[in-house]
Amino acid sequence: MTAKKHGWNSLQNYLEVHYKVLRFYSSNLVVPQDYIYNQHTPYFHSLQAIGLQFRTYKRSLVRIDIRKFIEVSPDHTSGQPWARTFSYSFNANIPRIGNLIRYDSPHDDTDSTPIDHHRFHHKHDFTKTPPEVIRIPDDKWPHVGEFFHEVLSSF
Protein backbone atom coordinates (compact mmCIF):
# COMPACT_ATOMS: atom_id res chain seq x y z
CA MET A 1 0.00 0.00 0.00
CA THR A 2 1.37 3.41 -0.99
CA ALA A 3 1.41 6.17 1.62
CA LYS A 4 -0.93 9.05 0.92
CA LYS A 5 0.75 12.27 -0.15
CA HIS A 6 -0.97 14.21 2.63
CA GLY A 7 -1.34 11.50 5.26
CA TRP A 8 -0.44 11.45 8.92
CA ASN A 9 3.12 12.28 9.97
CA SER A 10 4.74 12.86 13.33
CA LEU A 11 4.10 16.45 14.44
CA GLN A 12 7.83 17.00 14.88
CA ASN A 13 8.59 15.83 11.33
CA TYR A 14 5.60 17.75 9.92
CA LEU A 15 6.97 21.01 11.34
CA GLU A 16 10.62 20.23 10.49
CA VAL A 17 9.70 19.64 6.84
CA HIS A 18 7.93 23.01 6.61
CA TYR A 19 10.86 24.89 8.16
CA LYS A 20 13.30 23.02 5.89
CA VAL A 21 11.32 24.02 2.79
CA LEU A 22 11.23 27.66 3.86
CA ARG A 23 15.01 27.59 4.49
CA PHE A 24 15.52 26.02 1.03
CA TYR A 25 13.79 29.00 -0.60
CA SER A 26 15.21 31.60 1.82
CA SER A 27 17.65 32.96 -0.79
CA ASN A 28 14.58 34.18 -2.72
CA LEU A 29 13.06 35.89 0.33
CA VAL A 30 13.35 39.68 0.21
CA VAL A 31 13.06 39.93 3.99
CA PRO A 32 13.77 36.83 6.10
CA GLN A 33 10.61 35.57 7.75
CA ASP A 34 9.51 32.41 9.50
CA TYR A 35 6.30 30.53 10.09
CA ILE A 36 4.03 31.42 12.98
CA TYR A 37 3.10 28.22 14.75
CA ASN A 38 0.25 28.15 17.27
CA GLN A 39 -1.22 25.40 19.36
CA HIS A 40 -4.85 26.40 19.84
CA THR A 41 -5.94 23.18 21.58
CA PRO A 42 -4.22 19.79 22.00
CA TYR A 43 -5.95 18.68 18.77
CA PHE A 44 -5.90 21.87 16.69
CA HIS A 45 -2.77 23.76 15.63
CA SER A 46 -1.99 26.28 12.89
CA LEU A 47 1.03 27.10 10.79
CA GLN A 48 1.08 30.39 8.91
CA ALA A 49 3.46 32.55 6.92
CA ILE A 50 1.68 35.71 5.86
CA GLY A 51 3.24 38.32 3.61
CA LEU A 52 6.33 36.43 2.48
CA GLN A 53 8.01 38.60 -0.16
CA PHE A 54 9.90 36.55 -2.76
CA ARG A 55 11.96 37.44 -5.81
CA THR A 56 11.09 34.86 -8.43
CA TYR A 57 13.65 33.28 -10.73
CA LYS A 58 12.49 35.85 -13.34
CA ARG A 59 13.07 38.67 -10.77
CA SER A 60 9.38 39.50 -10.19
CA LEU A 61 8.37 40.48 -6.67
CA VAL A 62 5.64 38.12 -5.42
CA ARG A 63 3.85 38.01 -2.08
CA ILE A 64 2.96 34.54 -0.77
CA ASP A 65 0.55 33.74 2.07
CA ILE A 66 0.46 30.25 3.57
CA ARG A 67 -2.27 29.25 6.04
CA LYS A 68 -2.50 25.66 7.28
CA PHE A 69 -4.72 24.30 10.01
CA ILE A 70 -3.47 21.06 11.48
CA GLU A 71 -5.30 18.14 13.04
CA VAL A 72 -3.22 16.59 15.84
CA SER A 73 -3.75 13.16 17.36
CA PRO A 74 -1.61 11.08 19.71
CA ASP A 75 -0.10 7.87 18.35
CA HIS A 76 -1.65 5.26 20.61
CA THR A 77 1.51 3.14 20.43
CA SER A 78 4.17 5.75 21.20
CA GLY A 79 2.06 8.54 22.70
CA GLN A 80 3.81 11.03 20.38
CA PRO A 81 1.61 13.55 18.55
CA TRP A 82 0.84 12.96 14.87
CA ALA A 83 -0.37 15.62 12.48
CA ARG A 84 -1.97 16.20 9.11
CA THR A 85 -3.34 19.23 7.32
CA PHE A 86 -7.11 19.44 7.34
CA SER A 87 -7.54 22.96 5.94
CA TYR A 88 -5.21 25.19 3.94
CA SER A 89 -4.92 28.19 1.67
CA PHE A 90 -1.86 29.06 -0.41
CA ASN A 91 -1.98 32.41 -2.23
CA ALA A 92 0.48 34.22 -4.50
CA ASN A 93 0.00 37.77 -5.75
CA ILE A 94 1.91 40.69 -7.16
CA PRO A 95 1.65 43.50 -4.59
CA ARG A 96 -0.66 46.38 -5.61
CA ILE A 97 -1.57 44.56 -8.85
CA GLY A 98 -3.45 41.34 -8.10
CA ASN A 99 -3.64 37.63 -7.41
CA LEU A 100 -1.79 35.06 -9.50
CA ILE A 101 -2.59 31.62 -8.06
CA ARG A 102 -4.47 30.37 -5.02
CA TYR A 103 -4.98 26.83 -3.76
CA ASP A 104 -7.70 26.08 -1.21
CA SER A 105 -8.94 23.06 0.67
CA PRO A 106 -12.58 22.02 0.21
CA HIS A 107 -15.09 24.50 1.58
CA ASP A 108 -18.61 25.73 0.97
CA ASP A 109 -18.78 28.07 -2.00
CA THR A 110 -20.91 31.21 -2.00
CA ASP A 111 -23.94 29.23 -3.15
CA SER A 112 -23.42 26.73 -0.29
CA THR A 113 -22.29 24.00 -2.68
CA PRO A 114 -19.25 22.22 -1.28
CA ILE A 115 -16.30 22.27 -3.66
CA ASP A 116 -13.24 20.03 -3.74
CA HIS A 117 -9.62 21.04 -3.39
CA HIS A 118 -9.18 23.69 -6.01
CA ARG A 119 -6.76 26.04 -7.70
CA PHE A 120 -7.72 29.54 -8.79
CA HIS A 121 -5.64 30.60 -11.77
CA HIS A 122 -6.10 34.34 -12.12
CA LYS A 123 -5.75 36.11 -15.44
CA HIS A 124 -2.27 37.49 -15.84
CA ASP A 125 -3.51 40.59 -17.63
CA PHE A 126 -5.22 41.39 -14.27
CA THR A 127 -8.59 42.09 -15.85
CA LYS A 128 -11.73 41.83 -13.80
CA THR A 129 -12.67 38.55 -15.47
CA PRO A 130 -13.17 35.74 -12.95
CA PRO A 131 -10.29 33.36 -12.35
CA GLU A 132 -10.27 29.89 -13.84
CA VAL A 133 -11.13 27.35 -11.13
CA ILE A 134 -9.45 23.97 -11.46
CA ARG A 135 -10.69 21.15 -9.24
CA ILE A 136 -7.96 18.96 -7.78
CA PRO A 137 -8.32 15.31 -6.67
CA ASP A 138 -8.18 14.75 -2.93
CA ASP A 139 -4.54 13.72 -2.67
CA LYS A 140 -3.08 15.77 -5.55
CA TRP A 141 -2.96 19.29 -4.07
CA PRO A 142 0.60 20.59 -3.70
CA HIS A 143 2.88 20.53 -0.72
CA VAL A 144 4.14 23.99 0.28
CA GLY A 145 7.48 23.35 -1.47
CA GLU A 146 5.70 22.44 -4.70
CA PHE A 147 3.65 25.65 -4.47
CA PHE A 148 6.80 27.75 -3.88
CA HIS A 149 8.47 26.09 -6.87
CA GLU A 150 5.43 26.68 -9.12
CA VAL A 151 5.23 30.38 -8.22
CA LEU A 152 8.96 31.13 -8.26
CA SER A 153 9.42 29.34 -11.62
CA SER A 154 6.39 30.84 -13.38
CA PHE A 155 6.49 34.59 -12.79
C-alpha atoms as a PDB file:
ATOM      1  CA  MET A   1       0.000   0.000   0.000  1.00  0.00           C
ATOM      2  CA  THR A   2       1.372   3.407  -0.989  1.00  0.00           C
ATOM      3  CA  ALA A   3       1.414   6.171   1.619  1.00  0.00           C
ATOM      4  CA  LYS A   4      -0.935   9.049   0.917  1.00  0.00           C
ATOM      5  CA  LYS A   5       0.746  12.267  -0.151  1.00  0.00           C
ATOM      6  CA  HIS A   6      -0.969  14.215   2.632  1.00  0.00           C
ATOM      7  CA  GLY A   7      -1.345  11.499   5.259  1.00  0.00           C
ATOM      8  CA  TRP A   8      -0.440  11.455   8.921  1.00  0.00           C
ATOM      9  CA  ASN A   9       3.117  12.283   9.968  1.00  0.00           C
ATOM     10  CA  SER A  10       4.743  12.863  13.334  1.00  0.00           C
ATOM     11  CA  LEU A  11       4.096  16.454  14.438  1.00  0.00           C
ATOM     12  CA  GLN A  12       7.827  17.000  14.878  1.00  0.00           C
ATOM     13  CA  ASN A  13       8.587  15.830  11.329  1.00  0.00           C
ATOM     14  CA  TYR A  14       5.597  17.746   9.921  1.00  0.00           C
ATOM     15  CA  LEU A  15       6.970  21.007  11.344  1.00  0.00           C
ATOM     16  CA  GLU A  16      10.618  20.229  10.486  1.00  0.00           C
ATOM     17  CA  VAL A  17       9.705  19.635   6.838  1.00  0.00           C
ATOM     18  CA  HIS A  18       7.928  23.010   6.607  1.00  0.00           C
ATOM     19  CA  TYR A  19      10.859  24.894   8.161  1.00  0.00           C
ATOM     20  CA  LYS A  20      13.300  23.019   5.895  1.00  0.00           C
ATOM     21  CA  VAL A  21      11.319  24.019   2.785  1.00  0.00           C
ATOM     22  CA  LEU A  22      11.231  27.662   3.864  1.00  0.00           C
ATOM     23  CA  ARG A  23      15.011  27.585   4.493  1.00  0.00           C
ATOM     24  CA  PHE A  24      15.519  26.024   1.032  1.00  0.00           C
ATOM     25  CA  TYR A  25      13.786  28.999  -0.598  1.00  0.00           C
ATOM     26  CA  SER A  26      15.211  31.600   1.817  1.00  0.00           C
ATOM     27  CA  SER A  27      17.653  32.956  -0.791  1.00  0.00           C
ATOM     28  CA  ASN A  28      14.578  34.183  -2.720  1.00  0.00           C
ATOM     29  CA  LEU A  29      13.059  35.893   0.332  1.00  0.00           C
ATOM     30  CA  VAL A  30      13.348  39.679   0.213  1.00  0.00           C
ATOM     31  CA  VAL A  31      13.056  39.930   3.994  1.00  0.00           C
ATOM     32  CA  PRO A  32      13.770  36.829   6.103  1.00  0.00           C
ATOM     33  CA  GLN A  33      10.611  35.570   7.753  1.00  0.00           C
ATOM     34  CA  ASP A  34       9.513  32.414   9.502  1.00  0.00           C
ATOM     35  CA  TYR A  35       6.301  30.531  10.086  1.00  0.00           C
ATOM     36  CA  ILE A  36       4.031  31.421  12.982  1.00  0.00           C
ATOM     37  CA  TYR A  37       3.099  28.219  14.754  1.00  0.00           C
ATOM     38  CA  ASN A  38       0.249  28.153  17.265  1.00  0.00           C
ATOM     39  CA  GLN A  39      -1.218  25.395  19.357  1.00  0.00           C
ATOM     40  CA  HIS A  40      -4.851  26.397  19.835  1.00  0.00           C
ATOM     41  CA  THR A  41      -5.936  23.177  21.583  1.00  0.00           C
ATOM     42  CA  PRO A  42      -4.218  19.794  22.005  1.00  0.00           C
ATOM     43  CA  TYR A  43      -5.948  18.677  18.774  1.00  0.00           C
ATOM     44  CA  PHE A  44      -5.899  21.871  16.689  1.00  0.00           C
ATOM     45  CA  HIS A  45      -2.770  23.760  15.630  1.00  0.00           C
ATOM     46  CA  SER A  46      -1.991  26.277  12.894  1.00  0.00           C
ATOM     47  CA  LEU A  47       1.033  27.103  10.791  1.00  0.00           C
ATOM     48  CA  GLN A  48       1.075  30.387   8.908  1.00  0.00           C
ATOM     49  CA  ALA A  49       3.462  32.546   6.922  1.00  0.00           C
ATOM     50  CA  ILE A  50       1.675  35.710   5.856  1.00  0.00           C
ATOM     51  CA  GLY A  51       3.242  38.323   3.611  1.00  0.00           C
ATOM     52  CA  LEU A  52       6.327  36.426   2.478  1.00  0.00           C
ATOM     53  CA  GLN A  53       8.010  38.600  -0.160  1.00  0.00           C
ATOM     54  CA  PHE A  54       9.904  36.554  -2.759  1.00  0.00           C
ATOM     55  CA  ARG A  55      11.963  37.436  -5.809  1.00  0.00           C
ATOM     56  CA  THR A  56      11.086  34.860  -8.427  1.00  0.00           C
ATOM     57  CA  TYR A  57      13.651  33.284 -10.728  1.00  0.00           C
ATOM     58  CA  LYS A  58      12.488  35.847 -13.338  1.00  0.00           C
ATOM     59  CA  ARG A  59      13.074  38.667 -10.770  1.00  0.00           C
ATOM     60  CA  SER A  60       9.380  39.496 -10.194  1.00  0.00           C
ATOM     61  CA  LEU A  61       8.374  40.480  -6.667  1.00  0.00           C
ATOM     62  CA  VAL A  62       5.643  38.121  -5.422  1.00  0.00           C
ATOM     63  CA  ARG A  63       3.845  38.006  -2.084  1.00  0.00           C
ATOM     64  CA  ILE A  64       2.962  34.540  -0.773  1.00  0.00           C
ATOM     65  CA  ASP A  65       0.550  33.742   2.069  1.00  0.00           C
ATOM     66  CA  ILE A  66       0.459  30.245   3.569  1.00  0.00           C
ATOM     67  CA  ARG A  67      -2.268  29.245   6.036  1.00  0.00           C
ATOM     68  CA  LYS A  68      -2.502  25.665   7.282  1.00  0.00           C
ATOM     69  CA  PHE A  69      -4.717  24.295  10.010  1.00  0.00           C
ATOM     70  CA  ILE A  70      -3.471  21.061  11.478  1.00  0.00           C
ATOM     71  CA  GLU A  71      -5.295  18.140  13.042  1.00  0.00           C
ATOM     72  CA  VAL A  72      -3.216  16.588  15.836  1.00  0.00           C
ATOM     73  CA  SER A  73      -3.750  13.164  17.363  1.00  0.00           C
ATOM     74  CA  PRO A  74      -1.611  11.076  19.708  1.00  0.00           C
ATOM     75  CA  ASP A  75      -0.102   7.873  18.354  1.00  0.00           C
ATOM     76  CA  HIS A  76      -1.650   5.258  20.613  1.00  0.00           C
ATOM     77  CA  THR A  77       1.507   3.136  20.433  1.00  0.00           C
ATOM     78  CA  SER A  78       4.168   5.747  21.202  1.00  0.00           C
ATOM     79  CA  GLY A  79       2.064   8.537  22.701  1.00  0.00           C
ATOM     80  CA  GLN A  80       3.806  11.034  20.384  1.00  0.00           C
ATOM     81  CA  PRO A  81       1.606  13.547  18.550  1.00  0.00           C
ATOM     82  CA  TRP A  82       0.844  12.960  14.873  1.00  0.00           C
ATOM     83  CA  ALA A  83      -0.373  15.625  12.479  1.00  0.00           C
ATOM     84  CA  ARG A  84      -1.967  16.202   9.110  1.00  0.00           C
ATOM     85  CA  THR A  85      -3.339  19.231   7.320  1.00  0.00           C
ATOM     86  CA  PHE A  86      -7.110  19.439   7.344  1.00  0.00           C
ATOM     87  CA  SER A  87      -7.542  22.960   5.940  1.00  0.00           C
ATOM     88  CA  TYR A  88      -5.213  25.185   3.943  1.00  0.00           C
ATOM     89  CA  SER A  89      -4.924  28.194   1.670  1.00  0.00           C
ATOM     90  CA  PHE A  90      -1.864  29.063  -0.413  1.00  0.00           C
ATOM     91  CA  ASN A  91      -1.983  32.406  -2.233  1.00  0.00           C
ATOM     92  CA  ALA A  92       0.483  34.221  -4.503  1.00  0.00           C
ATOM     93  CA  ASN A  93       0.005  37.768  -5.752  1.00  0.00           C
ATOM     94  CA  ILE A  94       1.907  40.689  -7.157  1.00  0.00           C
ATOM     95  CA  PRO A  95       1.646  43.502  -4.587  1.00  0.00           C
ATOM     96  CA  ARG A  96      -0.658  46.377  -5.610  1.00  0.00           C
ATOM     97  CA  ILE A  97      -1.571  44.556  -8.850  1.00  0.00           C
ATOM     98  CA  GLY A  98      -3.451  41.340  -8.101  1.00  0.00           C
ATOM     99  CA  ASN A  99      -3.644  37.633  -7.414  1.00  0.00           C
ATOM    100  CA  LEU A 100      -1.790  35.056  -9.498  1.00  0.00           C
ATOM    101  CA  ILE A 101      -2.586  31.622  -8.063  1.00  0.00           C
ATOM    102  CA  ARG A 102      -4.470  30.373  -5.023  1.00  0.00           C
ATOM    103  CA  TYR A 103      -4.979  26.829  -3.763  1.00  0.00           C
ATOM    104  CA  ASP A 104      -7.696  26.080  -1.211  1.00  0.00           C
ATOM    105  CA  SER A 105      -8.943  23.062   0.665  1.00  0.00           C
ATOM    106  CA  PRO A 106     -12.581  22.022   0.211  1.00  0.00           C
ATOM    107  CA  HIS A 107     -15.086  24.499   1.583  1.00  0.00           C
ATOM    108  CA  ASP A 108     -18.613  25.735   0.967  1.00  0.00           C
ATOM    109  CA  ASP A 109     -18.777  28.069  -2.000  1.00  0.00           C
ATOM    110  CA  THR A 110     -20.915  31.207  -2.002  1.00  0.00           C
ATOM    111  CA  ASP A 111     -23.942  29.233  -3.154  1.00  0.00           C
ATOM    112  CA  SER A 112     -23.418  26.731  -0.290  1.00  0.00           C
ATOM    113  CA  THR A 113     -22.292  24.002  -2.679  1.00  0.00           C
ATOM    114  CA  PRO A 114     -19.248  22.219  -1.278  1.00  0.00           C
ATOM    115  CA  ILE A 115     -16.301  22.273  -3.660  1.00  0.00           C
ATOM    116  CA  ASP A 116     -13.240  20.028  -3.739  1.00  0.00           C
ATOM    117  CA  HIS A 117      -9.624  21.037  -3.390  1.00  0.00           C
ATOM    118  CA  HIS A 118      -9.178  23.688  -6.014  1.00  0.00           C
ATOM    119  CA  ARG A 119      -6.764  26.039  -7.701  1.00  0.00           C
ATOM    120  CA  PHE A 120      -7.715  29.538  -8.795  1.00  0.00           C
ATOM    121  CA  HIS A 121      -5.644  30.602 -11.772  1.00  0.00           C
ATOM    122  CA  HIS A 122      -6.098  34.343 -12.117  1.00  0.00           C
ATOM    123  CA  LYS A 123      -5.753  36.106 -15.438  1.00  0.00           C
ATOM    124  CA  HIS A 124      -2.265  37.493 -15.843  1.00  0.00           C
ATOM    125  CA  ASP A 125      -3.510  40.591 -17.630  1.00  0.00           C
ATOM    126  CA  PHE A 126      -5.218  41.388 -14.274  1.00  0.00           C
ATOM    127  CA  THR A 127      -8.590  42.089 -15.847  1.00  0.00           C
ATOM    128  CA  LYS A 128     -11.732  41.832 -13.802  1.00  0.00           C
ATOM    129  CA  THR A 129     -12.672  38.552 -15.475  1.00  0.00           C
ATOM    130  CA  PRO A 130     -13.174  35.744 -12.950  1.00  0.00           C
ATOM    131  CA  PRO A 131     -10.292  33.355 -12.352  1.00  0.00           C
ATOM    132  CA  GLU A 132     -10.265  29.888 -13.838  1.00  0.00           C
ATOM    133  CA  VAL A 133     -11.134  27.351 -11.134  1.00  0.00           C
ATOM    134  CA  ILE A 134      -9.449  23.973 -11.459  1.00  0.00           C
ATOM    135  CA  ARG A 135     -10.693  21.145  -9.244  1.00  0.00           C
ATOM    136  CA  ILE A 136      -7.963  18.956  -7.778  1.00  0.00           C
ATOM    137  CA  PRO A 137      -8.318  15.311  -6.672  1.00  0.00           C
ATOM    138  CA  ASP A 138      -8.183  14.747  -2.931  1.00  0.00           C
ATOM    139  CA  ASP A 139      -4.536  13.715  -2.669  1.00  0.00           C
ATOM    140  CA  LYS A 140      -3.083  15.773  -5.549  1.00  0.00           C
ATOM    141  CA  TRP A 141      -2.960  19.294  -4.066  1.00  0.00           C
ATOM    142  CA  PRO A 142       0.596  20.595  -3.696  1.00  0.00           C
ATOM    143  CA  HIS A 143       2.884  20.530  -0.719  1.00  0.00           C
ATOM    144  CA  VAL A 144       4.138  23.990   0.277  1.00  0.00           C
ATOM    145  CA  GLY A 145       7.478  23.346  -1.470  1.00  0.00           C
ATOM    146  CA  GLU A 146       5.695  22.436  -4.704  1.00  0.00           C
ATOM    147  CA  PHE A 147       3.652  25.648  -4.472  1.00  0.00           C
ATOM    148  CA  PHE A 148       6.795  27.755  -3.885  1.00  0.00           C
ATOM    149  CA  HIS A 149       8.472  26.088  -6.873  1.00  0.00           C
ATOM    150  CA  GLU A 150       5.433  26.681  -9.117  1.00  0.00           C
ATOM    151  CA  VAL A 151       5.230  30.380  -8.221  1.00  0.00           C
ATOM    152  CA  LEU A 152       8.956  31.127  -8.264  1.00  0.00           C
ATOM    153  CA  SER A 153       9.416  29.338 -11.620  1.00  0.00           C
ATOM    154  CA  SER A 154       6.394  30.838 -13.376  1.00  0.00           C
ATOM    155  CA  PHE A 155       6.488  34.587 -12.789  1.00  0.00           C
END
